[in-house]
Each structure stands twice: as structure tokens, then as C-alpha cells.
């Protein structure tokens, strides 16, 4: 994703704002994923939420359980919403590619549907950087739409987007290449609660850093 693509992504999610939260609020797979993560965290864990959106449900759930959450998002509107809705977490408006990450500095990383507007090389590089930011024994949860597509122009909830993704088994290889072990996986079909939405496959990978 170029800087121009980053601005385009920001515009999309600025436009969606709280509508995005409402559309995905009934994702039971997302909530199961968070429950899996909560079960692996020690008290007061440090968690990075990549593409934190409105802060709900991820940052809100984790902060509510007493963990220290840093959420990052390219959308100023989303960051403002999240800061207001989840005052117990910290949010920064920054592209994850530009976020300084020290090795072993987080107990967990959440990446829920936030890589889809990066190209494949950048997705691999980002997963690698995030894996290195985990402490030994840390957890990474990665969710995506597992399609074999490269820079496909589409409409998402009424907004134009350009999407790149991996097929599910290839993404598993990407995660393994970053030094992570897939401990659990869920494949599901989900339809966002929005008049322009269509059913989409969702893949949740629950990973650990050995």
C-alpha cells in the first residue's frame, strides 16, 4: 500500500465511522476470538490492536479485562470515536507500517481485518514485524477475508476499496514464515448488518510465538 493507498483507506473508514461498528457488532466469531485471547493473557498484559477502528469490541473487551491496550488506525475519525468510547485504552492515528515496534514489547497483537488494503509483500512484512514485537510465548490473532485476490477494486458497505488477500492455506504459510504457530483456527461466513453488504468468508487464526 502506497501513501496514497493509505489515505484512501483512511477516507473509507472516516466515511464509515460508527456504521462499521454497527455492521460487525453481531460477529460471534470475533467475540469467540477475543475469549480465546483473554484465556491466554496474564493480568495487565500489553496488547497492540492493529486497525483498532471504533475501539469496539476489541479494545473495549481487552481494556475492560484490565489489560493495557494500544490501538492504532489510519482513520482520524475512527481514532476519535475509539478514544471517546474506550477511555481505558490508548489510541494513535498512525499507519502500522510507520509504527516503531521494539522486539518482544507486547504480550499480544490483534490484527482484525486490517491488512486487506496492503499489498502481499507488505502483508508479509507487517506480519513479520508484528510477530517480532511479541514476547516469547505471546499471542497473535489475525482475521481476514481469505480470498486469492490482488488489488481488486470492490465496493464495501457503499465505499470503494482496493483489496488484496491470500487464500486461507497460503495465509497459514505466511504466519508460519513469520515464526508463529497456529494454535486454533475458525472459518466462517459472515454478513455485515448493512443494506449494501454481502456474505463474506472470514478466517480467524489464533497464533503463538514459541
N, C-alpha and C. Protein backbone atom coordinates (compact mmCIF):
# COMPACT_ATOMS: atom_id res chain seq x y z
N UNK A 1 0.85 -1.19 0.00
CA UNK A 1 0.00 0.00 0.00
C UNK A 1 0.89 1.24 0.00
N UNK A 2 0.72 2.08 -0.99
CA UNK A 2 1.45 3.33 -1.05
C UNK A 2 0.85 4.32 -0.06
N UNK A 3 1.52 5.49 0.09
CA UNK A 3 0.94 6.52 0.94
C UNK A 3 -0.43 6.93 0.43
N UNK A 4 -0.59 6.95 -0.91
CA UNK A 4 -1.89 7.27 -1.48
C UNK A 4 -2.94 6.26 -1.11
N UNK A 5 -2.55 4.97 -1.10
CA UNK A 5 -3.48 3.92 -0.69
C UNK A 5 -3.84 4.08 0.79
N UNK A 6 -2.85 4.50 1.58
CA UNK A 6 -3.13 4.73 3.00
C UNK A 6 -4.15 5.83 3.19
N UNK A 7 -4.02 6.90 2.41
CA UNK A 7 -5.01 7.98 2.50
C UNK A 7 -6.38 7.51 2.05
N UNK A 8 -6.40 6.67 1.01
CA UNK A 8 -7.68 6.15 0.53
C UNK A 8 -8.34 5.29 1.60
N UNK A 9 -7.55 4.45 2.26
CA UNK A 9 -8.11 3.63 3.34
C UNK A 9 -8.65 4.51 4.46
N UNK A 10 -7.91 5.57 4.79
CA UNK A 10 -8.39 6.48 5.83
C UNK A 10 -9.72 7.11 5.44
N UNK A 11 -9.85 7.50 4.16
CA UNK A 11 -11.10 8.12 3.71
C UNK A 11 -12.27 7.15 3.81
N UNK A 12 -12.02 5.88 3.45
CA UNK A 12 -13.09 4.88 3.52
C UNK A 12 -13.61 4.76 4.94
N UNK A 13 -12.69 4.61 5.90
CA UNK A 13 -13.13 4.37 7.27
C UNK A 13 -13.54 5.64 7.99
N UNK A 14 -13.03 6.79 7.54
CA UNK A 14 -13.59 8.05 8.02
C UNK A 14 -15.07 8.13 7.65
N UNK A 15 -15.38 7.73 6.41
CA UNK A 15 -16.76 7.80 5.92
C UNK A 15 -17.67 6.82 6.66
N UNK A 16 -17.15 5.63 6.96
CA UNK A 16 -17.98 4.61 7.61
C UNK A 16 -18.22 4.92 9.08
N UNK A 17 -17.17 5.33 9.78
CA UNK A 17 -17.30 5.67 11.19
C UNK A 17 -18.03 4.60 11.99
N UNK A 18 -19.00 5.02 12.78
CA UNK A 18 -19.71 4.11 13.67
C UNK A 18 -20.57 3.10 12.91
N UNK A 19 -20.85 3.37 11.63
CA UNK A 19 -21.61 2.41 10.83
C UNK A 19 -20.87 1.07 10.74
N UNK A 20 -19.54 1.15 10.67
CA UNK A 20 -18.73 -0.08 10.61
C UNK A 20 -18.94 -0.91 11.88
N UNK A 21 -18.88 -0.24 13.02
CA UNK A 21 -19.09 -0.95 14.29
C UNK A 21 -20.44 -1.64 14.32
N UNK A 22 -21.47 -0.92 13.92
CA UNK A 22 -22.82 -1.48 13.94
C UNK A 22 -22.94 -2.67 13.00
N UNK A 23 -22.28 -2.60 11.85
CA UNK A 23 -22.40 -3.66 10.86
C UNK A 23 -21.76 -4.96 11.33
N UNK A 24 -20.71 -4.85 12.16
CA UNK A 24 -19.98 -6.04 12.59
C UNK A 24 -20.24 -6.42 14.04
N UNK A 25 -21.14 -5.71 14.70
CA UNK A 25 -21.36 -5.92 16.13
C UNK A 25 -21.84 -7.34 16.45
N UNK A 26 -22.50 -8.00 15.51
CA UNK A 26 -23.06 -9.32 15.82
C UNK A 26 -22.14 -10.46 15.39
N UNK A 27 -20.85 -10.19 15.17
CA UNK A 27 -19.91 -11.26 14.80
C UNK A 27 -19.56 -12.10 16.02
N UNK A 28 -20.17 -13.27 16.10
CA UNK A 28 -19.89 -14.16 17.22
C UNK A 28 -18.48 -14.74 17.11
N UNK A 29 -17.98 -14.91 15.89
CA UNK A 29 -16.62 -15.44 15.72
C UNK A 29 -15.59 -14.48 16.29
N UNK A 30 -15.82 -13.18 16.11
CA UNK A 30 -14.91 -12.18 16.67
C UNK A 30 -14.91 -12.26 18.19
N UNK A 31 -16.06 -12.40 18.77
CA UNK A 31 -16.13 -12.48 20.23
C UNK A 31 -15.51 -13.77 20.75
N UNK A 32 -15.68 -14.86 20.02
CA UNK A 32 -15.02 -16.10 20.42
C UNK A 32 -13.50 -15.94 20.34
N UNK A 33 -13.05 -15.23 19.33
CA UNK A 33 -11.63 -14.98 19.17
C UNK A 33 -11.07 -14.20 20.37
N UNK A 34 -11.80 -13.19 20.79
CA UNK A 34 -11.37 -12.40 21.94
C UNK A 34 -11.37 -13.25 23.22
N UNK A 35 -12.34 -14.13 23.35
CA UNK A 35 -12.37 -15.01 24.52
C UNK A 35 -11.16 -15.93 24.53
N UNK A 36 -10.78 -16.42 23.35
CA UNK A 36 -9.58 -17.25 23.25
C UNK A 36 -8.36 -16.47 23.73
N UNK A 37 -8.26 -15.24 23.27
CA UNK A 37 -7.11 -14.42 23.64
C UNK A 37 -7.10 -14.10 25.13
N UNK A 38 -8.25 -13.74 25.67
CA UNK A 38 -8.33 -13.43 27.10
C UNK A 38 -7.88 -14.62 27.94
N UNK A 39 -8.17 -15.81 27.48
CA UNK A 39 -7.78 -17.00 28.22
C UNK A 39 -6.29 -17.26 28.26
N UNK A 40 -5.53 -16.56 27.40
CA UNK A 40 -4.08 -16.76 27.33
C UNK A 40 -3.29 -15.61 27.96
N UNK A 41 -3.96 -14.54 28.36
CA UNK A 41 -3.25 -13.37 28.83
C UNK A 41 -3.10 -13.36 30.35
N UNK A 42 -1.90 -13.00 30.80
CA UNK A 42 -1.69 -12.76 32.22
C UNK A 42 -2.30 -11.41 32.59
N UNK A 43 -2.58 -11.18 33.88
CA UNK A 43 -3.15 -9.88 34.28
C UNK A 43 -2.28 -8.71 33.84
N UNK A 44 -2.93 -7.65 33.38
CA UNK A 44 -2.22 -6.44 32.99
C UNK A 44 -1.34 -6.59 31.78
N UNK A 45 -1.73 -7.45 30.85
CA UNK A 45 -0.94 -7.68 29.64
C UNK A 45 -0.93 -6.44 28.74
N UNK A 46 0.13 -6.32 27.94
CA UNK A 46 0.25 -5.22 26.99
C UNK A 46 -0.16 -5.75 25.62
N UNK A 47 -1.18 -5.11 25.03
CA UNK A 47 -1.77 -5.60 23.78
C UNK A 47 -1.77 -4.50 22.73
N UNK A 48 -1.36 -4.85 21.51
CA UNK A 48 -1.43 -3.95 20.37
C UNK A 48 -2.61 -4.34 19.51
N UNK A 49 -3.50 -3.38 19.23
CA UNK A 49 -4.67 -3.60 18.39
C UNK A 49 -4.46 -2.85 17.07
N UNK A 50 -4.15 -3.59 16.01
CA UNK A 50 -3.83 -3.00 14.71
C UNK A 50 -5.11 -2.80 13.90
N UNK A 51 -5.38 -1.57 13.49
CA UNK A 51 -6.64 -1.27 12.82
C UNK A 51 -7.76 -1.28 13.84
N UNK A 52 -7.60 -0.46 14.87
CA UNK A 52 -8.47 -0.54 16.05
C UNK A 52 -9.88 -0.02 15.83
N UNK A 53 -10.12 0.69 14.72
CA UNK A 53 -11.47 1.13 14.40
C UNK A 53 -12.10 1.96 15.50
N UNK A 54 -13.34 1.66 15.83
CA UNK A 54 -14.07 2.42 16.84
C UNK A 54 -13.72 2.00 18.27
N UNK A 55 -12.84 1.02 18.39
CA UNK A 55 -12.48 0.51 19.72
C UNK A 55 -13.35 -0.62 20.22
N UNK A 56 -14.44 -0.89 19.50
CA UNK A 56 -15.36 -1.95 19.89
C UNK A 56 -15.43 -3.02 18.80
N UNK A 57 -15.41 -4.30 19.18
CA UNK A 57 -15.38 -4.80 20.56
C UNK A 57 -13.97 -5.05 21.11
N UNK A 58 -12.92 -4.97 20.26
CA UNK A 58 -11.61 -5.48 20.67
C UNK A 58 -11.00 -4.71 21.84
N UNK A 59 -10.69 -3.43 21.63
CA UNK A 59 -10.04 -2.67 22.70
C UNK A 59 -10.92 -2.59 23.94
N UNK A 60 -12.22 -2.41 23.73
CA UNK A 60 -13.13 -2.30 24.87
C UNK A 60 -13.12 -3.57 25.70
N UNK A 61 -13.14 -4.72 25.05
CA UNK A 61 -13.14 -6.00 25.76
C UNK A 61 -11.83 -6.20 26.52
N UNK A 62 -10.72 -5.93 25.86
CA UNK A 62 -9.41 -6.16 26.48
C UNK A 62 -9.14 -5.17 27.61
N UNK A 63 -9.43 -3.89 27.38
CA UNK A 63 -9.23 -2.89 28.43
C UNK A 63 -10.15 -3.16 29.61
N UNK A 64 -11.38 -3.60 29.31
CA UNK A 64 -12.33 -3.91 30.37
C UNK A 64 -11.88 -5.06 31.25
N UNK A 65 -11.01 -5.92 30.68
CA UNK A 65 -10.47 -7.05 31.46
C UNK A 65 -9.19 -6.67 32.18
N UNK A 66 -8.81 -5.38 32.13
CA UNK A 66 -7.66 -4.91 32.88
C UNK A 66 -6.35 -4.89 32.14
N UNK A 67 -6.39 -5.07 30.81
CA UNK A 67 -5.15 -5.09 30.03
C UNK A 67 -4.83 -3.69 29.48
N UNK A 68 -3.57 -3.48 29.14
CA UNK A 68 -3.09 -2.20 28.63
C UNK A 68 -3.09 -2.26 27.10
N UNK A 69 -4.00 -1.53 26.49
CA UNK A 69 -4.22 -1.64 25.05
C UNK A 69 -3.74 -0.38 24.33
N UNK A 70 -2.93 -0.58 23.28
CA UNK A 70 -2.58 0.47 22.35
C UNK A 70 -3.26 0.15 21.03
N UNK A 71 -4.19 1.01 20.60
CA UNK A 71 -4.86 0.84 19.32
C UNK A 71 -4.29 1.81 18.30
N UNK A 72 -4.04 1.33 17.08
CA UNK A 72 -3.55 2.19 16.00
C UNK A 72 -4.47 2.05 14.80
N UNK A 73 -4.71 3.18 14.14
CA UNK A 73 -5.60 3.18 12.98
C UNK A 73 -5.23 4.36 12.09
N UNK A 74 -5.42 4.20 10.76
CA UNK A 74 -5.10 5.30 9.83
C UNK A 74 -6.22 6.33 9.76
N UNK A 75 -7.39 6.02 10.30
CA UNK A 75 -8.55 6.89 10.18
C UNK A 75 -8.68 7.82 11.38
N UNK A 76 -8.54 9.14 11.20
CA UNK A 76 -8.73 10.07 12.32
C UNK A 76 -10.12 9.97 12.95
N UNK A 77 -11.13 9.75 12.12
CA UNK A 77 -12.49 9.63 12.65
C UNK A 77 -12.60 8.41 13.57
N UNK A 78 -12.04 7.29 13.14
CA UNK A 78 -12.08 6.08 13.96
C UNK A 78 -11.33 6.29 15.28
N UNK A 79 -10.16 6.92 15.21
CA UNK A 79 -9.37 7.14 16.42
C UNK A 79 -10.12 8.04 17.40
N UNK A 80 -10.80 9.07 16.88
CA UNK A 80 -11.58 9.95 17.74
C UNK A 80 -12.72 9.18 18.39
N UNK A 81 -13.42 8.37 17.61
CA UNK A 81 -14.52 7.56 18.16
C UNK A 81 -14.01 6.61 19.23
N UNK A 82 -12.91 5.92 18.92
CA UNK A 82 -12.37 4.94 19.86
C UNK A 82 -11.93 5.60 21.16
N UNK A 83 -11.27 6.75 21.05
CA UNK A 83 -10.80 7.45 22.26
C UNK A 83 -11.95 7.85 23.16
N UNK A 84 -13.08 8.22 22.53
CA UNK A 84 -14.26 8.61 23.30
C UNK A 84 -14.97 7.39 23.89
N UNK A 85 -15.06 6.33 23.11
CA UNK A 85 -15.82 5.16 23.54
C UNK A 85 -15.06 4.26 24.50
N UNK A 86 -13.73 4.24 24.38
CA UNK A 86 -12.92 3.34 25.21
C UNK A 86 -11.83 4.16 25.89
N UNK A 87 -12.19 4.96 26.89
CA UNK A 87 -11.20 5.83 27.55
C UNK A 87 -10.13 5.06 28.30
N UNK A 88 -10.36 3.78 28.53
CA UNK A 88 -9.38 2.98 29.26
C UNK A 88 -8.25 2.46 28.40
N UNK A 89 -8.27 2.77 27.09
CA UNK A 89 -7.21 2.35 26.18
C UNK A 89 -6.56 3.58 25.56
N UNK A 90 -5.39 3.39 24.96
CA UNK A 90 -4.69 4.47 24.25
C UNK A 90 -4.83 4.24 22.75
N UNK A 91 -5.10 5.31 22.01
CA UNK A 91 -5.25 5.19 20.56
C UNK A 91 -4.37 6.21 19.86
N UNK A 92 -3.76 5.79 18.75
CA UNK A 92 -2.91 6.67 17.95
C UNK A 92 -3.32 6.59 16.49
N UNK A 93 -3.35 7.74 15.81
CA UNK A 93 -3.64 7.78 14.38
C UNK A 93 -2.32 7.64 13.64
N UNK A 94 -2.02 6.42 13.22
CA UNK A 94 -0.76 6.13 12.55
C UNK A 94 -0.91 4.86 11.71
N UNK A 95 -0.22 4.82 10.59
CA UNK A 95 -0.14 3.63 9.75
C UNK A 95 0.75 2.62 10.45
N UNK A 96 0.31 1.38 10.56
CA UNK A 96 1.10 0.38 11.28
C UNK A 96 2.48 0.20 10.66
N UNK A 97 2.62 0.51 9.36
CA UNK A 97 3.93 0.39 8.71
C UNK A 97 4.92 1.41 9.26
N UNK A 98 4.39 2.49 9.84
CA UNK A 98 5.25 3.56 10.37
C UNK A 98 5.38 3.51 11.89
N UNK A 99 4.73 2.55 12.50
CA UNK A 99 4.74 2.44 13.97
C UNK A 99 6.04 1.80 14.44
N UNK A 100 6.83 2.49 15.27
CA UNK A 100 8.04 1.86 15.82
C UNK A 100 7.66 0.67 16.71
N UNK A 101 8.29 -0.46 16.48
CA UNK A 101 7.98 -1.66 17.25
C UNK A 101 9.27 -2.27 17.78
N UNK A 102 9.38 -2.35 19.09
CA UNK A 102 10.53 -3.00 19.70
C UNK A 102 10.27 -4.50 19.82
N UNK A 103 11.31 -5.28 19.60
CA UNK A 103 11.16 -6.73 19.67
C UNK A 103 10.74 -7.14 21.08
N UNK A 104 9.74 -8.02 21.14
CA UNK A 104 9.29 -8.56 22.41
C UNK A 104 8.58 -7.58 23.32
N UNK A 105 8.01 -6.51 22.73
CA UNK A 105 7.44 -5.45 23.57
C UNK A 105 5.96 -5.64 23.89
N UNK A 106 5.29 -6.60 23.25
CA UNK A 106 3.87 -6.83 23.51
C UNK A 106 3.62 -8.27 23.91
N UNK A 107 2.62 -8.45 24.77
CA UNK A 107 2.18 -9.79 25.14
C UNK A 107 1.23 -10.38 24.10
N UNK A 108 0.54 -9.51 23.38
CA UNK A 108 -0.41 -9.97 22.36
C UNK A 108 -0.59 -8.89 21.30
N UNK A 109 -0.94 -9.34 20.11
CA UNK A 109 -1.25 -8.45 19.00
C UNK A 109 -2.54 -8.92 18.35
N UNK A 110 -3.45 -7.99 18.09
CA UNK A 110 -4.70 -8.28 17.38
C UNK A 110 -4.65 -7.62 16.00
N UNK A 111 -4.97 -8.38 14.98
CA UNK A 111 -4.99 -7.85 13.61
C UNK A 111 -6.30 -8.30 12.98
N UNK A 112 -7.37 -7.60 13.30
CA UNK A 112 -8.70 -7.99 12.81
C UNK A 112 -9.03 -7.22 11.53
N UNK A 113 -8.89 -7.88 10.38
CA UNK A 113 -9.31 -7.36 9.07
C UNK A 113 -8.62 -6.05 8.70
N UNK A 114 -7.38 -5.86 9.15
CA UNK A 114 -6.72 -4.57 8.94
C UNK A 114 -5.58 -4.61 7.93
N UNK A 115 -5.37 -5.76 7.27
CA UNK A 115 -4.28 -5.85 6.29
C UNK A 115 -4.78 -5.86 4.85
N UNK A 116 -6.06 -5.84 4.65
CA UNK A 116 -6.62 -6.10 3.33
C UNK A 116 -6.30 -5.03 2.29
N UNK A 117 -5.89 -3.85 2.71
CA UNK A 117 -5.54 -2.81 1.75
C UNK A 117 -4.03 -2.63 1.61
N UNK A 118 -3.27 -3.57 2.17
CA UNK A 118 -1.84 -3.67 1.91
C UNK A 118 -1.60 -4.66 0.77
N UNK A 119 -0.51 -4.48 0.01
CA UNK A 119 -0.21 -5.49 -1.00
C UNK A 119 0.38 -6.71 -0.30
N UNK A 120 0.61 -7.79 -1.06
CA UNK A 120 1.02 -9.04 -0.43
C UNK A 120 2.40 -8.94 0.23
N UNK A 121 3.31 -8.25 -0.42
CA UNK A 121 4.64 -8.08 0.18
C UNK A 121 4.54 -7.35 1.50
N UNK A 122 3.74 -6.29 1.53
CA UNK A 122 3.58 -5.52 2.76
C UNK A 122 2.85 -6.31 3.83
N UNK A 123 1.90 -7.15 3.43
CA UNK A 123 1.23 -8.00 4.42
C UNK A 123 2.22 -8.96 5.06
N UNK A 124 3.07 -9.59 4.24
CA UNK A 124 4.08 -10.50 4.79
C UNK A 124 5.03 -9.76 5.73
N UNK A 125 5.49 -8.59 5.28
CA UNK A 125 6.42 -7.81 6.10
C UNK A 125 5.77 -7.37 7.42
N UNK A 126 4.51 -6.96 7.33
CA UNK A 126 3.82 -6.50 8.53
C UNK A 126 3.59 -7.63 9.52
N UNK A 127 3.18 -8.79 9.04
CA UNK A 127 3.01 -9.93 9.93
C UNK A 127 4.34 -10.29 10.59
N UNK A 128 5.42 -10.22 9.82
CA UNK A 128 6.73 -10.50 10.39
C UNK A 128 7.11 -9.51 11.47
N UNK A 129 6.89 -8.21 11.23
CA UNK A 129 7.21 -7.19 12.22
C UNK A 129 6.37 -7.38 13.49
N UNK A 130 5.09 -7.68 13.30
CA UNK A 130 4.21 -7.86 14.46
C UNK A 130 4.60 -9.10 15.25
N UNK A 131 5.01 -10.16 14.55
CA UNK A 131 5.44 -11.38 15.24
C UNK A 131 6.68 -11.09 16.09
N UNK A 132 7.62 -10.31 15.55
CA UNK A 132 8.83 -9.99 16.30
C UNK A 132 8.54 -9.08 17.49
N UNK A 133 7.46 -8.31 17.40
CA UNK A 133 7.08 -7.43 18.51
C UNK A 133 6.49 -8.20 19.68
N UNK A 134 6.17 -9.48 19.47
CA UNK A 134 5.64 -10.31 20.55
C UNK A 134 6.76 -10.85 21.43
N UNK A 135 6.50 -10.92 22.71
CA UNK A 135 7.42 -11.63 23.60
C UNK A 135 7.31 -13.12 23.33
N UNK A 136 8.32 -13.88 23.74
CA UNK A 136 8.24 -15.33 23.65
C UNK A 136 7.04 -15.82 24.46
N UNK A 137 6.23 -16.65 23.84
CA UNK A 137 5.01 -17.13 24.49
C UNK A 137 3.82 -16.23 24.26
N UNK A 138 4.02 -15.13 23.53
CA UNK A 138 2.93 -14.20 23.25
C UNK A 138 1.96 -14.73 22.20
N UNK A 139 0.86 -14.01 22.02
CA UNK A 139 -0.22 -14.46 21.14
C UNK A 139 -0.52 -13.41 20.07
N UNK A 140 -0.81 -13.88 18.88
CA UNK A 140 -1.26 -13.01 17.79
C UNK A 140 -2.53 -13.58 17.19
N UNK A 141 -3.55 -12.74 17.08
CA UNK A 141 -4.80 -13.14 16.44
C UNK A 141 -4.92 -12.37 15.14
N UNK A 142 -5.09 -13.09 14.05
CA UNK A 142 -5.18 -12.49 12.72
C UNK A 142 -6.48 -12.93 12.07
N UNK A 143 -7.30 -11.96 11.67
CA UNK A 143 -8.55 -12.26 10.97
C UNK A 143 -8.54 -11.56 9.62
N UNK A 144 -9.09 -12.23 8.62
CA UNK A 144 -9.11 -11.66 7.28
C UNK A 144 -10.23 -12.29 6.47
N UNK A 145 -10.37 -11.78 5.25
CA UNK A 145 -11.26 -12.39 4.25
C UNK A 145 -10.35 -13.22 3.34
N UNK A 146 -10.37 -14.55 3.47
CA UNK A 146 -9.35 -15.39 2.84
C UNK A 146 -9.64 -15.68 1.37
N UNK A 147 -9.41 -14.70 0.52
CA UNK A 147 -9.62 -14.85 -0.91
C UNK A 147 -8.30 -14.68 -1.64
N UNK A 148 -8.13 -15.39 -2.73
CA UNK A 148 -6.93 -15.29 -3.56
C UNK A 148 -7.11 -14.15 -4.54
N UNK A 149 -6.90 -12.91 -4.06
CA UNK A 149 -7.15 -11.73 -4.89
C UNK A 149 -6.00 -10.73 -4.71
N UNK A 150 -5.70 -9.99 -5.78
CA UNK A 150 -4.64 -8.98 -5.77
C UNK A 150 -5.18 -7.68 -6.34
N UNK A 151 -5.22 -6.64 -5.52
CA UNK A 151 -5.62 -5.30 -5.93
C UNK A 151 -6.92 -5.30 -6.74
N UNK A 152 -7.93 -5.92 -6.16
CA UNK A 152 -9.25 -5.97 -6.78
C UNK A 152 -10.07 -4.77 -6.30
N UNK A 153 -10.61 -4.01 -7.23
CA UNK A 153 -11.49 -2.89 -6.86
C UNK A 153 -12.87 -3.43 -6.53
N UNK A 154 -13.38 -3.03 -5.39
CA UNK A 154 -14.67 -3.53 -4.92
C UNK A 154 -15.39 -2.41 -4.19
N UNK A 155 -16.63 -2.68 -3.82
CA UNK A 155 -17.41 -1.75 -3.01
C UNK A 155 -17.72 -2.43 -1.69
N UNK A 156 -17.33 -1.78 -0.60
CA UNK A 156 -17.53 -2.32 0.74
C UNK A 156 -18.45 -1.39 1.51
N UNK A 157 -19.67 -1.86 1.77
CA UNK A 157 -20.65 -1.06 2.50
C UNK A 157 -20.78 0.34 1.89
N UNK A 158 -20.85 0.36 0.55
CA UNK A 158 -21.06 1.60 -0.16
C UNK A 158 -19.82 2.41 -0.44
N UNK A 159 -18.65 1.95 0.01
CA UNK A 159 -17.40 2.69 -0.18
C UNK A 159 -16.47 1.93 -1.12
N UNK A 160 -15.81 2.63 -2.05
CA UNK A 160 -14.87 1.96 -2.95
C UNK A 160 -13.60 1.56 -2.20
N UNK A 161 -13.18 0.31 -2.39
CA UNK A 161 -11.97 -0.19 -1.75
C UNK A 161 -11.15 -0.99 -2.77
N UNK A 162 -9.87 -1.11 -2.50
CA UNK A 162 -9.00 -1.97 -3.30
C UNK A 162 -8.43 -3.02 -2.36
N UNK A 163 -8.72 -4.28 -2.66
CA UNK A 163 -8.47 -5.37 -1.72
C UNK A 163 -7.42 -6.34 -2.26
N UNK A 164 -6.52 -6.73 -1.38
CA UNK A 164 -5.56 -7.80 -1.65
C UNK A 164 -5.62 -8.78 -0.49
N UNK A 165 -5.60 -10.07 -0.79
CA UNK A 165 -5.64 -11.06 0.27
C UNK A 165 -4.96 -12.34 -0.19
N UNK A 166 -4.87 -13.28 0.73
CA UNK A 166 -4.33 -14.60 0.46
C UNK A 166 -5.43 -15.65 0.64
N UNK A 167 -5.34 -16.74 -0.10
CA UNK A 167 -6.17 -17.90 0.23
C UNK A 167 -5.78 -18.40 1.62
N UNK A 168 -6.70 -19.09 2.27
CA UNK A 168 -6.52 -19.45 3.67
C UNK A 168 -5.23 -20.22 3.93
N UNK A 169 -4.96 -21.26 3.15
CA UNK A 169 -3.79 -22.08 3.41
C UNK A 169 -2.49 -21.31 3.16
N UNK A 170 -2.52 -20.38 2.22
CA UNK A 170 -1.34 -19.56 1.97
C UNK A 170 -1.09 -18.63 3.14
N UNK A 171 -2.16 -18.08 3.70
CA UNK A 171 -2.01 -17.20 4.87
C UNK A 171 -1.43 -17.98 6.05
N UNK A 172 -1.82 -19.21 6.21
CA UNK A 172 -1.23 -20.05 7.26
C UNK A 172 0.27 -20.16 7.04
N UNK A 173 0.69 -20.31 5.79
CA UNK A 173 2.13 -20.37 5.48
C UNK A 173 2.81 -19.04 5.79
N UNK A 174 2.13 -17.91 5.52
CA UNK A 174 2.68 -16.59 5.83
C UNK A 174 2.93 -16.47 7.33
N UNK A 175 1.96 -16.89 8.10
CA UNK A 175 2.08 -16.83 9.56
C UNK A 175 3.23 -17.71 10.04
N UNK A 176 3.32 -18.92 9.49
CA UNK A 176 4.41 -19.82 9.87
C UNK A 176 5.77 -19.24 9.49
N UNK A 177 5.81 -18.59 8.33
CA UNK A 177 7.05 -17.97 7.89
C UNK A 177 7.51 -16.84 8.79
N UNK A 178 6.57 -16.27 9.54
CA UNK A 178 6.90 -15.21 10.50
C UNK A 178 7.34 -15.78 11.84
N UNK A 179 7.38 -17.10 11.95
CA UNK A 179 7.83 -17.72 13.19
C UNK A 179 6.72 -17.99 14.19
N UNK A 180 5.48 -17.95 13.73
CA UNK A 180 4.34 -18.18 14.61
C UNK A 180 3.77 -19.57 14.39
N UNK A 181 3.13 -20.10 15.42
CA UNK A 181 2.45 -21.39 15.34
C UNK A 181 0.95 -21.18 15.43
N UNK A 182 0.20 -21.72 14.48
CA UNK A 182 -1.26 -21.63 14.54
C UNK A 182 -1.77 -22.64 15.57
N UNK A 183 -2.40 -22.12 16.62
CA UNK A 183 -2.89 -22.95 17.72
C UNK A 183 -4.37 -23.27 17.58
N UNK A 184 -5.11 -22.41 16.90
CA UNK A 184 -6.54 -22.62 16.68
C UNK A 184 -6.95 -21.83 15.46
N UNK A 185 -8.03 -22.28 14.83
CA UNK A 185 -8.47 -21.65 13.58
C UNK A 185 -9.99 -21.75 13.49
N UNK A 186 -10.61 -20.70 12.98
CA UNK A 186 -12.05 -20.75 12.71
C UNK A 186 -12.34 -20.15 11.35
N UNK A 187 -13.06 -20.90 10.53
CA UNK A 187 -13.54 -20.42 9.24
C UNK A 187 -15.05 -20.25 9.33
N UNK A 188 -15.54 -19.10 8.89
CA UNK A 188 -16.97 -18.86 8.99
C UNK A 188 -17.43 -17.98 7.84
N UNK A 189 -18.73 -17.88 7.66
CA UNK A 189 -19.33 -16.98 6.67
C UNK A 189 -20.13 -15.95 7.43
N UNK A 190 -19.90 -14.67 7.11
CA UNK A 190 -20.50 -13.59 7.88
C UNK A 190 -21.08 -12.55 6.93
N UNK A 191 -22.26 -12.05 7.29
CA UNK A 191 -22.88 -10.97 6.52
C UNK A 191 -23.00 -9.74 7.41
N UNK A 192 -22.25 -8.66 7.12
CA UNK A 192 -22.38 -7.44 7.92
C UNK A 192 -23.81 -6.92 7.90
N UNK A 193 -24.21 -6.27 8.98
CA UNK A 193 -25.56 -5.72 9.11
C UNK A 193 -25.61 -4.35 8.42
N UNK A 194 -25.69 -4.40 7.10
CA UNK A 194 -25.69 -3.18 6.30
C UNK A 194 -26.41 -3.49 4.99
N UNK A 195 -27.25 -2.58 4.48
CA UNK A 195 -28.04 -2.88 3.28
C UNK A 195 -27.20 -3.18 2.04
N UNK A 196 -25.97 -2.68 1.98
CA UNK A 196 -25.12 -2.94 0.82
C UNK A 196 -24.17 -4.11 1.02
N UNK A 197 -24.27 -4.79 2.15
CA UNK A 197 -23.32 -5.86 2.45
C UNK A 197 -23.74 -7.17 1.81
N UNK A 198 -22.75 -8.01 1.55
CA UNK A 198 -22.98 -9.36 1.03
C UNK A 198 -22.24 -10.34 1.93
N UNK A 199 -22.64 -11.62 1.93
CA UNK A 199 -21.93 -12.60 2.75
C UNK A 199 -20.45 -12.67 2.35
N UNK A 200 -19.57 -12.79 3.35
CA UNK A 200 -18.14 -12.87 3.07
C UNK A 200 -17.50 -13.91 3.97
N UNK A 201 -16.55 -14.68 3.43
CA UNK A 201 -15.85 -15.65 4.27
C UNK A 201 -14.93 -14.93 5.24
N UNK A 202 -14.86 -15.41 6.45
CA UNK A 202 -13.95 -14.88 7.45
C UNK A 202 -13.07 -16.00 7.98
N UNK A 203 -11.79 -15.70 8.16
CA UNK A 203 -10.84 -16.64 8.72
C UNK A 203 -10.19 -16.01 9.94
N UNK A 204 -10.20 -16.73 11.06
CA UNK A 204 -9.54 -16.29 12.29
C UNK A 204 -8.42 -17.27 12.59
N UNK A 205 -7.20 -16.78 12.65
CA UNK A 205 -6.05 -17.59 13.03
C UNK A 205 -5.57 -17.13 14.41
N UNK A 206 -5.48 -18.08 15.32
CA UNK A 206 -5.04 -17.81 16.69
C UNK A 206 -3.66 -18.43 16.86
N UNK A 207 -2.67 -17.57 17.02
CA UNK A 207 -1.28 -17.99 16.90
C UNK A 207 -0.48 -17.70 18.18
N UNK A 208 0.60 -18.45 18.35
CA UNK A 208 1.51 -18.19 19.44
C UNK A 208 2.93 -18.05 18.93
N UNK A 209 3.75 -17.30 19.66
CA UNK A 209 5.18 -17.19 19.34
C UNK A 209 5.93 -18.14 20.27
N UNK A 210 6.48 -19.21 19.73
CA UNK A 210 7.18 -20.20 20.58
C UNK A 210 8.36 -19.57 21.31
